[in-house]
């Protein structure tokens, strides 16, 4: 399964005409931190930087550790890249979270559907994927107020 790192730039999006130069500085800093780990492709879209490994076997744990020390990011997370279909999302979620969900007790699913052509709306994605994860991990409970883990789609 292909993995990437997502970096949210937060308030930098409010900086108007200077935003581009701030984002470019963040990209330079991220590239400098990742440089010795291998080849990475870093792209930006909607206040998010996408860090995609360009070689097999790159250490994503080390990349996350290094990027967490770059000033200017509001959030950082690893993510699985899957095709835009419900079956692919469902299967990937169960597989991708297999190392984490056995060790938490509560979770919730958040979805932000940018493609309005996708057949399910965001609340439906949350509800259905929550049901899939509950079936796969019976010890889990849903807690929408203070979950131990939030699953983003």
N, C-alpha and C. Protein backbone atom coordinates (compact mmCIF):
# COMPACT_ATOMS: atom_id res chain seq x y z
N UNK A 1 0.85 -1.17 0.00
CA UNK A 1 0.00 0.00 0.00
C UNK A 1 0.89 1.24 0.00
N UNK A 2 0.59 2.16 -0.87
CA UNK A 2 1.39 3.38 -0.98
C UNK A 2 1.04 4.34 0.17
N UNK A 3 2.09 4.85 0.80
CA UNK A 3 1.92 5.80 1.90
C UNK A 3 2.57 7.14 1.56
N UNK A 4 1.95 8.20 2.05
CA UNK A 4 2.51 9.54 1.93
C UNK A 4 2.42 10.22 3.29
N UNK A 5 3.02 11.39 3.37
CA UNK A 5 2.93 12.21 4.58
C UNK A 5 2.22 13.50 4.21
N UNK A 6 1.20 13.86 4.98
CA UNK A 6 0.46 15.10 4.77
C UNK A 6 0.88 16.12 5.82
N UNK A 7 1.17 17.33 5.37
CA UNK A 7 1.57 18.41 6.27
C UNK A 7 0.59 19.57 6.07
N UNK A 8 -0.10 19.95 7.13
CA UNK A 8 -1.03 21.09 7.08
C UNK A 8 -0.30 22.34 7.54
N UNK A 9 -0.44 23.40 6.76
CA UNK A 9 0.31 24.61 7.09
C UNK A 9 -0.45 25.58 7.98
N UNK A 10 -1.70 25.37 8.24
CA UNK A 10 -2.43 26.17 9.22
C UNK A 10 -2.60 27.63 8.85
N UNK A 11 -2.25 28.53 9.78
CA UNK A 11 -2.51 29.96 9.64
C UNK A 11 -1.76 30.62 8.51
N UNK A 12 -0.78 29.96 7.95
CA UNK A 12 -0.04 30.54 6.84
C UNK A 12 -1.00 30.85 5.67
N UNK A 13 -2.11 30.10 5.60
CA UNK A 13 -3.09 30.30 4.54
C UNK A 13 -3.74 31.67 4.63
N UNK A 14 -3.65 32.33 5.78
CA UNK A 14 -4.28 33.63 5.97
C UNK A 14 -3.38 34.79 5.55
N UNK A 15 -2.19 34.52 5.12
CA UNK A 15 -1.20 35.57 4.91
C UNK A 15 -1.29 36.29 3.57
N UNK A 16 -2.35 36.05 2.80
CA UNK A 16 -2.61 36.81 1.58
C UNK A 16 -1.53 36.68 0.53
N UNK A 17 -1.01 37.82 0.07
CA UNK A 17 -0.06 37.84 -1.03
C UNK A 17 1.28 37.21 -0.68
N UNK A 18 1.61 37.09 0.59
CA UNK A 18 2.87 36.47 1.01
C UNK A 18 2.77 34.95 1.14
N UNK A 19 1.57 34.42 1.03
CA UNK A 19 1.36 33.00 1.27
C UNK A 19 2.28 32.12 0.42
N UNK A 20 2.40 32.43 -0.86
CA UNK A 20 3.23 31.63 -1.76
C UNK A 20 4.67 31.54 -1.31
N UNK A 21 5.23 32.67 -0.88
CA UNK A 21 6.62 32.65 -0.43
C UNK A 21 6.77 31.89 0.88
N UNK A 22 5.77 31.97 1.77
CA UNK A 22 5.80 31.20 3.01
C UNK A 22 5.73 29.70 2.70
N UNK A 23 4.83 29.32 1.79
CA UNK A 23 4.71 27.91 1.42
C UNK A 23 6.00 27.40 0.77
N UNK A 24 6.59 28.22 -0.07
CA UNK A 24 7.86 27.84 -0.70
C UNK A 24 8.96 27.63 0.34
N UNK A 25 8.98 28.47 1.37
CA UNK A 25 9.96 28.31 2.44
C UNK A 25 9.72 27.01 3.21
N UNK A 26 8.45 26.68 3.45
CA UNK A 26 8.13 25.42 4.12
C UNK A 26 8.59 24.23 3.28
N UNK A 27 8.38 24.31 1.97
CA UNK A 27 8.80 23.22 1.08
C UNK A 27 10.31 23.07 1.11
N UNK A 28 11.03 24.18 1.05
CA UNK A 28 12.50 24.12 1.11
C UNK A 28 12.97 23.49 2.42
N UNK A 29 12.36 23.90 3.52
CA UNK A 29 12.73 23.35 4.83
C UNK A 29 12.42 21.86 4.92
N UNK A 30 11.28 21.45 4.39
CA UNK A 30 10.91 20.03 4.40
C UNK A 30 11.88 19.23 3.54
N UNK A 31 12.21 19.74 2.36
CA UNK A 31 13.15 19.04 1.48
C UNK A 31 14.52 18.91 2.14
N UNK A 32 14.95 19.95 2.82
CA UNK A 32 16.25 19.92 3.49
C UNK A 32 16.25 18.85 4.59
N UNK A 33 15.16 18.75 5.34
CA UNK A 33 15.07 17.75 6.41
C UNK A 33 15.05 16.32 5.87
N UNK A 34 14.42 16.14 4.69
CA UNK A 34 14.27 14.80 4.13
C UNK A 34 15.40 14.40 3.20
N UNK A 35 16.24 15.34 2.84
CA UNK A 35 17.26 15.13 1.82
C UNK A 35 18.12 13.90 1.99
N UNK A 36 18.59 13.64 3.19
CA UNK A 36 19.49 12.50 3.38
C UNK A 36 18.75 11.16 3.48
N UNK A 37 17.42 11.18 3.50
CA UNK A 37 16.65 9.93 3.59
C UNK A 37 16.39 9.31 2.22
N UNK A 38 16.54 10.07 1.15
CA UNK A 38 16.23 9.56 -0.18
C UNK A 38 15.49 10.60 -1.00
N UNK A 39 14.92 10.15 -2.11
CA UNK A 39 14.20 11.08 -3.00
C UNK A 39 12.73 11.19 -2.60
N UNK A 40 12.26 12.43 -2.51
CA UNK A 40 10.88 12.73 -2.15
C UNK A 40 10.31 13.73 -3.15
N UNK A 41 9.03 13.60 -3.44
CA UNK A 41 8.31 14.59 -4.25
C UNK A 41 7.39 15.33 -3.29
N UNK A 42 7.54 16.65 -3.24
CA UNK A 42 6.71 17.45 -2.35
C UNK A 42 5.88 18.40 -3.20
N UNK A 43 4.56 18.29 -3.08
CA UNK A 43 3.64 19.15 -3.83
C UNK A 43 2.71 19.84 -2.84
N UNK A 44 2.11 20.92 -3.29
CA UNK A 44 1.19 21.64 -2.40
C UNK A 44 -0.17 21.78 -3.07
N UNK A 45 -1.20 21.75 -2.23
CA UNK A 45 -2.57 21.94 -2.68
C UNK A 45 -3.43 22.28 -1.47
N UNK A 46 -4.14 23.38 -1.54
CA UNK A 46 -5.11 23.78 -0.51
C UNK A 46 -4.52 23.73 0.91
N UNK A 47 -3.45 24.45 1.14
CA UNK A 47 -2.80 24.56 2.46
C UNK A 47 -2.28 23.23 2.99
N UNK A 48 -2.04 22.28 2.10
CA UNK A 48 -1.50 20.98 2.48
C UNK A 48 -0.31 20.67 1.60
N UNK A 49 0.77 20.18 2.22
CA UNK A 49 1.91 19.67 1.46
C UNK A 49 1.81 18.15 1.45
N UNK A 50 2.04 17.57 0.30
CA UNK A 50 2.03 16.13 0.13
C UNK A 50 3.46 15.67 -0.08
N UNK A 51 3.99 14.87 0.82
CA UNK A 51 5.36 14.35 0.73
C UNK A 51 5.27 12.89 0.32
N UNK A 52 5.69 12.65 -0.92
CA UNK A 52 5.56 11.32 -1.50
C UNK A 52 6.94 10.71 -1.74
N UNK A 53 7.22 9.54 -1.14
CA UNK A 53 8.50 8.91 -1.38
C UNK A 53 8.63 8.48 -2.83
N UNK A 54 9.80 8.69 -3.42
CA UNK A 54 10.04 8.34 -4.81
C UNK A 54 10.89 7.08 -4.96
N UNK A 55 11.19 6.43 -3.84
CA UNK A 55 11.96 5.20 -3.84
C UNK A 55 11.29 4.23 -2.87
N UNK A 56 11.42 2.95 -3.15
CA UNK A 56 10.92 1.94 -2.22
C UNK A 56 11.82 1.86 -1.00
N UNK A 57 11.22 1.53 0.13
CA UNK A 57 11.99 1.28 1.33
C UNK A 57 12.43 2.50 2.11
N UNK A 58 11.92 3.69 1.78
CA UNK A 58 12.29 4.87 2.57
C UNK A 58 11.65 4.78 3.95
N UNK A 59 12.33 5.27 4.95
CA UNK A 59 11.90 5.19 6.34
C UNK A 59 10.90 6.31 6.64
N UNK A 60 9.60 5.99 6.58
CA UNK A 60 8.57 7.00 6.84
C UNK A 60 8.54 7.41 8.30
N UNK A 61 8.86 6.50 9.20
CA UNK A 61 8.89 6.87 10.62
C UNK A 61 9.94 7.96 10.86
N UNK A 62 11.11 7.79 10.28
CA UNK A 62 12.17 8.79 10.43
C UNK A 62 11.77 10.09 9.73
N UNK A 63 11.10 9.98 8.58
CA UNK A 63 10.66 11.17 7.85
C UNK A 63 9.66 11.97 8.69
N UNK A 64 8.72 11.28 9.32
CA UNK A 64 7.74 11.94 10.18
C UNK A 64 8.45 12.63 11.34
N UNK A 65 9.40 11.93 11.95
CA UNK A 65 10.16 12.51 13.06
C UNK A 65 10.87 13.78 12.64
N UNK A 66 11.53 13.74 11.49
CA UNK A 66 12.26 14.91 11.01
C UNK A 66 11.32 16.06 10.64
N UNK A 67 10.22 15.74 9.99
CA UNK A 67 9.29 16.79 9.58
C UNK A 67 8.56 17.41 10.77
N UNK A 68 8.41 16.65 11.85
CA UNK A 68 7.74 17.19 13.04
C UNK A 68 8.55 18.31 13.68
N UNK A 69 9.84 18.42 13.30
CA UNK A 69 10.70 19.46 13.85
C UNK A 69 10.81 20.69 12.94
N UNK A 70 10.08 20.69 11.83
CA UNK A 70 10.08 21.84 10.93
C UNK A 70 9.04 22.83 11.43
N UNK A 71 9.47 24.04 11.71
CA UNK A 71 8.57 25.07 12.21
C UNK A 71 7.59 25.50 11.12
N UNK A 72 6.32 25.66 11.47
CA UNK A 72 5.34 26.21 10.56
C UNK A 72 4.21 25.29 10.18
N UNK A 73 4.29 24.02 10.56
CA UNK A 73 3.22 23.09 10.23
C UNK A 73 2.26 22.97 11.40
N UNK A 74 0.96 23.04 11.12
CA UNK A 74 -0.04 22.91 12.17
C UNK A 74 -0.34 21.45 12.47
N UNK A 75 -0.19 20.58 11.47
CA UNK A 75 -0.48 19.16 11.66
C UNK A 75 0.33 18.34 10.67
N UNK A 76 0.59 17.11 11.06
CA UNK A 76 1.38 16.19 10.24
C UNK A 76 0.80 14.80 10.45
N UNK A 77 0.63 14.06 9.38
CA UNK A 77 0.11 12.70 9.50
C UNK A 77 0.55 11.83 8.34
N UNK A 78 0.61 10.55 8.60
CA UNK A 78 0.84 9.58 7.53
C UNK A 78 -0.52 9.23 6.95
N UNK A 79 -0.53 8.88 5.67
CA UNK A 79 -1.79 8.55 5.01
C UNK A 79 -1.56 7.48 3.96
N UNK A 80 -2.58 6.67 3.75
CA UNK A 80 -2.56 5.67 2.69
C UNK A 80 -3.23 6.27 1.47
N UNK A 81 -2.67 5.99 0.31
CA UNK A 81 -3.24 6.45 -0.94
C UNK A 81 -4.00 5.28 -1.56
N UNK A 82 -5.28 5.47 -1.82
CA UNK A 82 -6.11 4.42 -2.41
C UNK A 82 -6.94 4.98 -3.55
N UNK A 83 -7.44 4.09 -4.37
CA UNK A 83 -8.30 4.52 -5.47
C UNK A 83 -9.61 5.05 -4.90
N UNK A 84 -10.28 5.88 -5.66
CA UNK A 84 -11.48 6.56 -5.19
C UNK A 84 -12.71 5.68 -5.40
N UNK A 85 -12.80 4.61 -4.61
CA UNK A 85 -13.98 3.74 -4.63
C UNK A 85 -14.24 3.29 -3.20
N UNK A 86 -15.50 3.02 -2.91
CA UNK A 86 -15.87 2.63 -1.56
C UNK A 86 -15.18 1.31 -1.17
N UNK A 87 -15.14 0.34 -2.09
CA UNK A 87 -14.50 -0.94 -1.78
C UNK A 87 -13.03 -0.76 -1.43
N UNK A 88 -12.34 0.09 -2.19
CA UNK A 88 -10.91 0.32 -1.93
C UNK A 88 -10.70 1.03 -0.59
N UNK A 89 -11.54 2.01 -0.29
CA UNK A 89 -11.44 2.74 0.98
C UNK A 89 -11.67 1.80 2.16
N UNK A 90 -12.71 1.01 2.06
CA UNK A 90 -13.06 0.08 3.14
C UNK A 90 -11.93 -0.93 3.39
N UNK A 91 -11.44 -1.54 2.33
CA UNK A 91 -10.38 -2.54 2.48
C UNK A 91 -9.09 -1.91 3.00
N UNK A 92 -8.74 -0.74 2.48
CA UNK A 92 -7.50 -0.08 2.89
C UNK A 92 -7.56 0.35 4.35
N UNK A 93 -8.71 0.82 4.81
CA UNK A 93 -8.83 1.28 6.19
C UNK A 93 -8.58 0.13 7.17
N UNK A 94 -9.17 -1.02 6.91
CA UNK A 94 -9.00 -2.17 7.81
C UNK A 94 -7.54 -2.61 7.81
N UNK A 95 -6.93 -2.68 6.63
CA UNK A 95 -5.53 -3.11 6.54
C UNK A 95 -4.57 -2.08 7.11
N UNK A 96 -4.76 -0.81 6.74
CA UNK A 96 -3.83 0.25 7.13
C UNK A 96 -3.82 0.49 8.64
N UNK A 97 -4.97 0.32 9.27
CA UNK A 97 -5.10 0.60 10.70
C UNK A 97 -4.87 -0.63 11.57
N UNK A 98 -4.48 -1.75 10.96
CA UNK A 98 -4.31 -3.01 11.70
C UNK A 98 -3.25 -2.93 12.79
N UNK A 99 -2.27 -2.06 12.62
CA UNK A 99 -1.22 -1.92 13.64
C UNK A 99 -1.60 -0.98 14.77
N UNK A 100 -2.68 -0.21 14.59
CA UNK A 100 -3.04 0.81 15.56
C UNK A 100 -4.33 0.50 16.31
N UNK A 101 -5.38 0.15 15.59
CA UNK A 101 -6.70 -0.01 16.22
C UNK A 101 -6.77 -1.08 17.30
N UNK A 102 -5.99 -2.15 17.25
CA UNK A 102 -6.06 -3.10 18.36
C UNK A 102 -5.64 -2.50 19.71
N UNK A 103 -4.95 -1.37 19.69
CA UNK A 103 -4.40 -0.79 20.92
C UNK A 103 -5.16 0.45 21.41
N UNK A 104 -6.25 0.80 20.75
CA UNK A 104 -7.08 1.90 21.23
C UNK A 104 -8.45 1.35 21.58
N UNK A 105 -9.17 2.09 22.40
CA UNK A 105 -10.50 1.65 22.82
C UNK A 105 -11.62 2.43 22.13
N UNK A 106 -11.35 3.70 21.82
CA UNK A 106 -12.39 4.53 21.21
C UNK A 106 -11.85 5.21 19.95
N UNK A 107 -12.75 5.47 19.03
CA UNK A 107 -12.37 6.12 17.78
C UNK A 107 -13.58 6.85 17.20
N UNK A 108 -13.32 7.65 16.19
CA UNK A 108 -14.39 8.20 15.37
C UNK A 108 -13.83 8.37 13.97
N UNK A 109 -14.71 8.47 13.01
CA UNK A 109 -14.32 8.66 11.62
C UNK A 109 -14.77 10.04 11.18
N UNK A 110 -13.84 10.80 10.59
CA UNK A 110 -14.16 12.08 9.96
C UNK A 110 -13.91 11.94 8.47
N UNK A 111 -14.79 12.50 7.67
CA UNK A 111 -14.61 12.45 6.22
C UNK A 111 -14.83 13.84 5.65
N UNK A 112 -14.02 14.15 4.66
CA UNK A 112 -14.21 15.40 3.92
C UNK A 112 -14.16 15.02 2.44
N UNK A 113 -15.32 15.01 1.84
CA UNK A 113 -15.46 14.57 0.46
C UNK A 113 -15.28 15.77 -0.46
N UNK A 114 -14.14 15.86 -1.11
CA UNK A 114 -13.90 16.98 -2.02
C UNK A 114 -14.50 16.72 -3.40
N UNK A 115 -14.61 15.45 -3.78
CA UNK A 115 -15.19 15.10 -5.07
C UNK A 115 -16.69 14.86 -4.87
N UNK A 116 -17.50 15.81 -5.28
CA UNK A 116 -18.94 15.71 -5.06
C UNK A 116 -19.60 14.67 -5.96
N UNK A 117 -18.84 14.09 -6.89
CA UNK A 117 -19.35 13.01 -7.74
C UNK A 117 -19.28 11.66 -7.03
N UNK A 118 -18.53 11.59 -5.91
CA UNK A 118 -18.43 10.34 -5.17
C UNK A 118 -19.83 9.98 -4.68
N UNK A 119 -20.25 8.72 -4.82
CA UNK A 119 -21.66 8.36 -4.55
C UNK A 119 -22.13 8.51 -3.11
N UNK A 120 -21.21 8.60 -2.15
CA UNK A 120 -21.61 8.75 -0.75
C UNK A 120 -21.23 10.14 -0.27
N UNK A 121 -22.07 10.74 0.58
CA UNK A 121 -21.69 12.03 1.15
C UNK A 121 -20.84 11.79 2.41
N UNK A 122 -20.30 12.85 2.97
CA UNK A 122 -19.37 12.71 4.10
C UNK A 122 -19.98 12.00 5.31
N UNK A 123 -21.20 12.35 5.76
CA UNK A 123 -21.76 11.61 6.90
C UNK A 123 -21.96 10.13 6.60
N UNK A 124 -22.33 9.79 5.37
CA UNK A 124 -22.49 8.37 5.01
C UNK A 124 -21.14 7.64 5.07
N UNK A 125 -20.08 8.29 4.59
CA UNK A 125 -18.75 7.68 4.65
C UNK A 125 -18.37 7.42 6.10
N UNK A 126 -18.59 8.42 6.96
CA UNK A 126 -18.26 8.27 8.39
C UNK A 126 -19.02 7.10 9.00
N UNK A 127 -20.31 7.06 8.77
CA UNK A 127 -21.16 6.03 9.36
C UNK A 127 -20.78 4.64 8.85
N UNK A 128 -20.65 4.50 7.54
CA UNK A 128 -20.36 3.19 6.95
C UNK A 128 -18.97 2.70 7.31
N UNK A 129 -17.97 3.57 7.25
CA UNK A 129 -16.61 3.14 7.59
C UNK A 129 -16.50 2.83 9.08
N UNK A 130 -17.22 3.59 9.90
CA UNK A 130 -17.26 3.28 11.33
C UNK A 130 -17.81 1.88 11.57
N UNK A 131 -18.85 1.52 10.84
CA UNK A 131 -19.43 0.18 10.96
C UNK A 131 -18.45 -0.90 10.51
N UNK A 132 -17.72 -0.64 9.44
CA UNK A 132 -16.72 -1.59 8.95
C UNK A 132 -15.64 -1.81 10.00
N UNK A 133 -15.15 -0.72 10.58
CA UNK A 133 -14.09 -0.83 11.59
C UNK A 133 -14.59 -1.50 12.87
N UNK A 134 -15.83 -1.22 13.25
CA UNK A 134 -16.40 -1.89 14.43
C UNK A 134 -16.53 -3.39 14.21
N UNK A 135 -16.89 -3.79 13.00
CA UNK A 135 -17.01 -5.22 12.68
C UNK A 135 -15.64 -5.89 12.68
N UNK A 136 -14.62 -5.18 12.18
CA UNK A 136 -13.28 -5.75 12.11
C UNK A 136 -12.57 -5.76 13.46
N UNK A 137 -12.91 -4.81 14.33
CA UNK A 137 -12.27 -4.69 15.64
C UNK A 137 -13.37 -4.58 16.70
N UNK A 138 -13.94 -5.70 17.13
CA UNK A 138 -15.12 -5.70 18.01
C UNK A 138 -14.92 -5.03 19.37
N UNK A 139 -13.68 -4.88 19.83
CA UNK A 139 -13.44 -4.26 21.13
C UNK A 139 -13.64 -2.74 21.09
N UNK A 140 -13.67 -2.16 19.90
CA UNK A 140 -13.76 -0.70 19.76
C UNK A 140 -15.13 -0.17 20.12
N UNK A 141 -15.13 1.07 20.56
CA UNK A 141 -16.36 1.82 20.79
C UNK A 141 -16.22 3.17 20.08
N UNK A 142 -17.31 3.71 19.60
CA UNK A 142 -17.31 5.02 18.97
C UNK A 142 -17.47 6.08 20.04
N UNK A 143 -16.63 7.09 19.99
CA UNK A 143 -16.72 8.24 20.89
C UNK A 143 -16.48 9.48 20.04
N UNK A 144 -17.54 10.19 19.72
CA UNK A 144 -17.40 11.35 18.84
C UNK A 144 -16.89 12.59 19.56
N UNK A 145 -16.90 12.59 20.89
CA UNK A 145 -16.46 13.76 21.64
C UNK A 145 -14.98 13.73 22.01
N UNK A 146 -14.50 12.61 22.55
CA UNK A 146 -13.10 12.51 22.96
C UNK A 146 -12.52 11.14 22.57
N UNK A 147 -12.40 10.88 21.27
CA UNK A 147 -11.87 9.58 20.86
C UNK A 147 -10.36 9.50 21.07
N UNK A 148 -9.87 8.30 21.28
CA UNK A 148 -8.42 8.10 21.35
C UNK A 148 -7.79 8.25 19.98
N UNK A 149 -8.56 7.93 18.94
CA UNK A 149 -8.05 8.00 17.57
C UNK A 149 -9.12 8.53 16.64
N UNK A 150 -8.70 9.41 15.74
CA UNK A 150 -9.59 9.91 14.70
C UNK A 150 -9.09 9.37 13.36
N UNK A 151 -9.97 8.72 12.64
CA UNK A 151 -9.66 8.18 11.32
C UNK A 151 -10.19 9.18 10.30
N UNK A 152 -9.29 9.75 9.50
CA UNK A 152 -9.67 10.74 8.48
C UNK A 152 -9.75 10.08 7.12
N UNK A 153 -10.81 10.42 6.39
CA UNK A 153 -10.97 9.95 5.02
C UNK A 153 -11.11 11.16 4.15
